[in-house]
Every structure is written in structure tokens, then in C-alpha cells.
Protein backbone atom coordinates (compact mmCIF):
# COMPACT_ATOMS: atom_id res chain seq x y z
CA MET A 1 -0.03 0.05 -0.23
CA THR A 2 1.57 3.57 -0.71
CA THR A 3 0.72 5.77 1.93
CA ASP A 4 0.60 9.77 0.30
CA PHE A 5 0.58 11.63 3.87
CA ALA A 6 1.34 11.34 7.79
CA LEU A 7 -1.04 13.02 10.26
CA VAL A 8 -0.12 13.24 14.13
CA LEU A 9 -2.88 13.61 17.18
CA PRO A 10 -0.93 14.84 19.92
CA THR A 11 -2.62 14.77 23.38
CA ARG A 12 -1.29 15.88 26.57
CA ARG A 13 -3.93 14.31 29.42
CA SER A 14 -7.83 15.52 28.01
CA GLN A 15 -6.27 17.84 25.47
CA VAL A 16 -5.41 17.98 22.32
CA LEU A 17 -2.75 19.83 19.95
CA LEU A 18 -4.08 21.59 16.47
CA VAL A 19 -2.46 23.99 14.46
CA ARG A 20 -4.08 26.94 12.59
CA ASN A 21 -3.25 26.57 8.70
CA THR A 22 -3.03 30.03 6.96
CA HIS A 23 -3.71 28.91 3.78
CA ARG A 24 -7.14 27.00 4.43
CA GLY A 25 -8.08 29.33 7.85
CA VAL A 26 -8.79 26.12 9.69
CA TRP A 27 -7.87 24.51 12.91
CA GLU A 28 -5.67 21.09 11.98
CA LEU A 29 -3.90 18.12 12.97
CA PRO A 30 -0.33 18.57 12.22
CA GLY A 31 0.91 16.70 8.92
CA GLY A 32 1.95 16.90 5.34
CA TRP A 33 2.78 14.66 2.48
CA ILE A 34 5.41 12.04 2.92
CA GLU A 35 8.59 13.03 1.01
CA PRO A 36 10.08 10.55 -1.16
CA GLY A 37 11.95 8.24 0.23
CA GLU A 38 10.72 8.65 3.52
CA SER A 39 8.53 6.46 5.96
CA ALA A 40 5.13 7.19 7.10
CA HIS A 41 6.97 7.49 10.93
CA ASP A 42 9.36 9.70 9.47
CA CYS A 43 7.14 12.17 7.81
CA ALA A 44 4.74 12.48 10.94
CA THR A 45 7.75 12.38 13.35
CA ARG A 46 9.15 15.96 10.65
CA GLU A 47 5.32 17.59 10.38
CA LEU A 48 5.26 17.78 14.18
CA GLN A 49 8.15 19.56 14.67
CA GLU A 50 8.16 21.43 11.61
CA GLU A 51 4.41 22.95 12.14
CA ALA A 52 3.95 22.25 16.15
CA GLY A 53 7.80 22.49 17.64
CA ILE A 54 7.62 19.66 19.00
CA ARG A 55 11.56 17.32 18.57
CA SER A 56 10.41 14.68 20.69
CA ALA A 57 7.43 12.67 21.32
CA ARG A 58 6.19 9.22 21.58
CA LEU A 59 4.34 7.88 17.94
CA SER A 60 2.56 5.06 17.37
CA LEU A 61 0.28 3.63 14.61
CA ARG A 62 -3.93 4.60 15.30
CA ALA A 63 -5.13 4.20 11.93
CA TRP A 64 -5.32 4.29 8.44
CA ILE A 65 -6.91 7.11 6.68
CA VAL A 66 -8.66 6.77 3.00
CA ILE A 67 -9.65 9.76 1.35
CA GLU A 68 -11.01 9.97 -2.28
CA ALA A 69 -10.14 13.48 -3.29
CA SER A 70 -11.86 15.42 -6.13
CA GLN A 71 -9.15 18.36 -6.76
CA PRO A 72 -7.52 19.01 -8.63
CA ALA A 73 -8.58 15.83 -9.95
CA ALA A 74 -10.46 12.43 -8.75
CA ARG A 75 -7.92 10.06 -6.98
CA THR A 76 -7.51 8.09 -3.80
CA LEU A 77 -5.11 9.24 -0.74
CA THR A 78 -3.92 7.32 1.78
CA GLY A 79 -2.46 8.36 5.15
CA ALA A 80 -1.37 7.11 8.38
CA VAL A 81 -2.60 8.80 11.62
CA PHE A 82 0.15 8.75 14.50
CA ALA A 83 -0.76 9.33 18.27
CA ALA A 84 1.89 11.25 19.95
CA GLY A 85 2.24 11.82 23.58
CA PHE A 86 4.20 15.04 24.69
CA ASP A 87 5.33 16.85 27.96
CA VAL A 88 7.23 20.12 26.20
CA THR A 89 5.48 23.24 25.26
CA PRO A 90 5.15 23.60 21.48
CA ALA A 91 7.28 25.80 20.26
CA VAL A 92 5.36 27.26 17.13
CA GLU A 93 7.44 29.83 14.57
CA ALA A 94 4.64 31.64 12.66
CA GLY A 95 5.21 31.28 9.04
CA ASP A 96 3.63 30.94 5.41
CA GLU A 97 1.97 27.71 6.54
CA ILE A 98 1.31 27.41 10.01
CA ASN A 99 0.87 30.83 11.90
CA ALA A 100 -0.45 29.18 15.00
CA ALA A 101 -0.88 26.16 18.18
CA ALA A 102 -3.34 25.63 20.82
CA LEU A 103 -3.73 22.94 23.05
CA TRP A 104 -8.00 22.36 22.74
CA ALA A 105 -10.31 20.00 24.87
CA LEU A 106 -11.17 17.10 23.49
CA ASP A 107 -14.34 17.82 23.92
CA ALA A 108 -14.29 20.91 23.03
CA LEU A 109 -12.72 21.88 19.76
CA PRO A 110 -12.97 25.63 18.01
CA PRO A 111 -15.68 25.69 15.42
CA ASP A 112 -13.20 26.03 12.88
CA THR A 113 -11.35 22.87 13.18
CA SER A 114 -11.08 21.12 9.91
CA ALA A 115 -14.11 18.38 9.40
CA ILE A 116 -11.78 15.08 9.31
CA ASP A 117 -9.44 16.32 11.83
CA GLY A 118 -12.19 17.09 14.02
CA TRP A 119 -13.58 13.55 13.21
CA LEU A 120 -10.09 12.11 13.87
CA VAL A 121 -9.78 13.48 16.92
CA THR A 122 -13.35 12.60 18.04
CA ARG A 123 -12.79 9.11 17.17
CA LEU A 124 -9.19 8.35 18.24
CA ALA A 125 -8.52 10.44 21.21
CA GLY A 126 -11.77 10.87 22.62
CA PRO A 127 -13.64 9.06 25.46
CA LYS A 128 -13.57 5.48 25.44
């Protein structure tokens, strides 16, 4: 199976860390496209560092997600979702893609959270 992207579900106690995507204008999970030769785990580690400033976290594969994309052309995308526990304070440097990061209660995500990411938080990090 080809994996196209990786997402990270970073949690601390009963909170989840979301980053604010400048281009899409939404809060979302850290993540991104897998680079050539990069594993999904390495991508998740890199994206967590680039987008949230977290250099060390315990990552574990939590789920696979398949998305039927229609833009720019019809295609199927597969992503790996990693859970990450962390103890450090996120150190976000505002840039072109991400301009903020914040911890949110699992049951009180901001209204402008990405629909897919909100669903993932509810399914994978919410109360069992």
C-alpha cells in the first residue's frame, strides 16, 4: 500500500494540540505529504517538529485513513495517523503555512476545525 500523507494526533492529558493553517483558515492536526524515500513515521515526526515545534514525542500508528479526493483530479489518497504523547511546550514559529498552535479540550474543539481532523480527534482521542 502506498501512503501519501501522515497526520499526528498529539495529546496531553485530555487535550489535543491543533495548528492553525494559514491557507485553509482552519485548525487542524499537524501533518503533511510524505517525501520520496521517507517513511510515514518519519514524515509524522518531521511534520510535528516543523508545524508544532515538538522535537521529541512518542509516536504510535493509530489508524489508516483513505480519502477520495476530487481536486485537482479524482484520486484516492491514503494516510497514516499517529498518536503522539508529549510533555514539552509547543514552540511554533509562525510561517507561511502555520501561524499558531494551541491545546484544546477533546470535547471543545474550535468551530473552525477541519472536518476530517475533528472527526479523527473524536474517534481516536475522545472518551472510550
